[in-house]
Amino acid sequence: MDKEKNDHKQFLERQLEWCKKQDRIFQQIDIKLHEMKKIAEYSLNHELDSLEIDQLNSQLNELKSEIDFLEKQLKYVVH
């Protein structure tokens, strides 16, 4: 019975670590989404020239790539 309890405890500890990692990834995604929102709001409230538009689009594309990378990390499943 002790072995069964120990195995179950180890399983739950692995699940807890997996959840913590997932939470950290979601936090990073949330930060990047807020950065994207700030860029969008700035664009909406200011008259931008084409150079500024290109720079902000580059920033948005970089943030999107970073989010895509983070999302791929969420797809790994622990059993």
C-alpha atoms as a PDB file:
ATOM      1  CA  MET A   1       0.000   0.000   0.000  1.00  0.00           C
ATOM      2  CA  ASP A   2       2.864   2.394   0.757  1.00  0.00           C
ATOM      3  CA  LYS A   3       4.260   1.942  -2.730  1.00  0.00           C
ATOM      4  CA  GLU A   4       0.877   2.771  -4.221  1.00  0.00           C
ATOM      5  CA  LYS A   5       0.595   5.922  -2.092  1.00  0.00           C
ATOM      6  CA  ASN A   6       4.141   6.923  -2.979  1.00  0.00           C
ATOM      7  CA  ASP A   7       3.478   6.413  -6.698  1.00  0.00           C
ATOM      8  CA  HIS A   8       0.303   8.454  -6.457  1.00  0.00           C
ATOM      9  CA  LYS A   9       2.126  11.210  -4.569  1.00  0.00           C
ATOM     10  CA  GLN A  10       4.846  11.342  -7.229  1.00  0.00           C
ATOM     11  CA  PHE A  11       2.224  11.481  -9.948  1.00  0.00           C
ATOM     12  CA  LEU A  12       0.497  14.396  -8.227  1.00  0.00           C
ATOM     13  CA  GLU A  13       3.819  16.201  -7.733  1.00  0.00           C
ATOM     14  CA  ARG A  14       4.564  15.867 -11.465  1.00  0.00           C
ATOM     15  CA  GLN A  15       1.110  17.169 -12.285  1.00  0.00           C
ATOM     16  CA  LEU A  16       1.624  20.127  -9.945  1.00  0.00           C
ATOM     17  CA  GLU A  17       4.942  20.996 -11.605  1.00  0.00           C
ATOM     18  CA  TRP A  18       3.318  20.721 -15.024  1.00  0.00           C
ATOM     19  CA  CYS A  19       0.542  23.090 -13.908  1.00  0.00           C
ATOM     20  CA  LYS A  20       3.080  25.576 -12.567  1.00  0.00           C
ATOM     21  CA  LYS A  21       4.954  25.518 -15.864  1.00  0.00           C
ATOM     22  CA  GLN A  22       1.734  26.001 -17.808  1.00  0.00           C
ATOM     23  CA  ASP A  23       0.836  28.932 -15.555  1.00  0.00           C
ATOM     24  CA  ARG A  24       4.214  30.597 -16.196  1.00  0.00           C
ATOM     25  CA  ILE A  25       3.695  30.222 -19.935  1.00  0.00           C
ATOM     26  CA  PHE A  26       0.209  31.750 -19.703  1.00  0.00           C
ATOM     27  CA  GLN A  27       1.642  34.657 -17.717  1.00  0.00           C
ATOM     28  CA  GLN A  28       4.249  35.283 -20.416  1.00  0.00           C
ATOM     29  CA  ILE A  29       1.564  35.167 -23.103  1.00  0.00           C
ATOM     30  CA  ASP A  30      -0.565  37.608 -21.105  1.00  0.00           C
ATOM     31  CA  ILE A  31       2.328  40.071 -20.851  1.00  0.00           C
ATOM     32  CA  LYS A  32       2.914  39.931 -24.602  1.00  0.00           C
ATOM     33  CA  LEU A  33      -0.793  40.396 -25.350  1.00  0.00           C
ATOM     34  CA  HIS A  34      -0.828  43.501 -23.144  1.00  0.00           C
ATOM     35  CA  GLU A  35       2.176  44.844 -25.057  1.00  0.00           C
ATOM     36  CA  MET A  36       0.289  44.256 -28.300  1.00  0.00           C
ATOM     37  CA  LYS A  37      -2.754  46.046 -26.888  1.00  0.00           C
ATOM     38  CA  LYS A  38      -0.622  49.063 -25.935  1.00  0.00           C
ATOM     39  CA  ILE A  39       0.770  49.224 -29.468  1.00  0.00           C
ATOM     40  CA  ALA A  40      -2.716  49.003 -30.955  1.00  0.00           C
ATOM     41  CA  GLU A  41      -4.063  51.713 -28.647  1.00  0.00           C
ATOM     42  CA  TYR A  42      -1.086  53.945 -29.396  1.00  0.00           C
ATOM     43  CA  SER A  43      -1.679  53.487 -33.121  1.00  0.00           C
ATOM     44  CA  LEU A  44      -5.324  54.346 -32.728  1.00  0.00           C
ATOM     45  CA  ASN A  45      -4.656  57.544 -30.793  1.00  0.00           C
ATOM     46  CA  HIS A  46      -1.771  58.986 -32.841  1.00  0.00           C
ATOM     47  CA  GLU A  47      -1.163  60.119 -36.368  1.00  0.00           C
ATOM     48  CA  LEU A  48       1.603  57.843 -37.618  1.00  0.00           C
ATOM     49  CA  ASP A  49       3.811  58.130 -40.661  1.00  0.00           C
ATOM     50  CA  SER A  50       4.633  55.076 -42.751  1.00  0.00           C
ATOM     51  CA  LEU A  51       7.957  54.483 -40.977  1.00  0.00           C
ATOM     52  CA  GLU A  52       6.264  54.422 -37.568  1.00  0.00           C
ATOM     53  CA  ILE A  53       3.572  52.110 -38.909  1.00  0.00           C
ATOM     54  CA  ASP A  54       6.215  49.722 -40.233  1.00  0.00           C
ATOM     55  CA  GLN A  55       8.083  49.763 -36.922  1.00  0.00           C
ATOM     56  CA  LEU A  56       4.940  49.064 -34.923  1.00  0.00           C
ATOM     57  CA  ASN A  57       3.917  46.300 -37.330  1.00  0.00           C
ATOM     58  CA  SER A  58       7.347  44.737 -36.881  1.00  0.00           C
ATOM     59  CA  GLN A  59       6.930  44.866 -33.121  1.00  0.00           C
ATOM     60  CA  LEU A  60       3.483  43.272 -33.389  1.00  0.00           C
ATOM     61  CA  ASN A  61       4.798  40.534 -35.666  1.00  0.00           C
ATOM     62  CA  GLU A  62       7.669  39.806 -33.273  1.00  0.00           C
ATOM     63  CA  LEU A  63       5.269  39.581 -30.327  1.00  0.00           C
ATOM     64  CA  LYS A  64       2.973  37.310 -32.340  1.00  0.00           C
ATOM     65  CA  SER A  65       5.901  35.010 -33.132  1.00  0.00           C
ATOM     66  CA  GLU A  66       6.839  34.884 -29.469  1.00  0.00           C
ATOM     67  CA  ILE A  67       3.254  34.034 -28.519  1.00  0.00           C
ATOM     68  CA  ASP A  68       3.115  31.306 -31.174  1.00  0.00           C
ATOM     69  CA  PHE A  69       6.300  29.808 -29.719  1.00  0.00           C
ATOM     70  CA  LEU A  70       4.857  29.893 -26.205  1.00  0.00           C
ATOM     71  CA  GLU A  71       1.588  28.339 -27.359  1.00  0.00           C
ATOM     72  CA  LYS A  72       3.477  25.399 -28.837  1.00  0.00           C
ATOM     73  CA  GLN A  73       4.959  24.762 -25.410  1.00  0.00           C
ATOM     74  CA  LEU A  74       1.443  24.461 -23.985  1.00  0.00           C
ATOM     75  CA  LYS A  75       0.611  21.531 -26.259  1.00  0.00           C
ATOM     76  CA  TYR A  76       2.938  19.095 -24.566  1.00  0.00           C
ATOM     77  CA  VAL A  77       0.976  16.684 -22.400  1.00  0.00           C
ATOM     78  CA  VAL A  78       2.288  14.990 -19.270  1.00  0.00           C
ATOM     79  CA  HIS A  79       0.891  11.583 -18.337  1.00  0.00           C
END
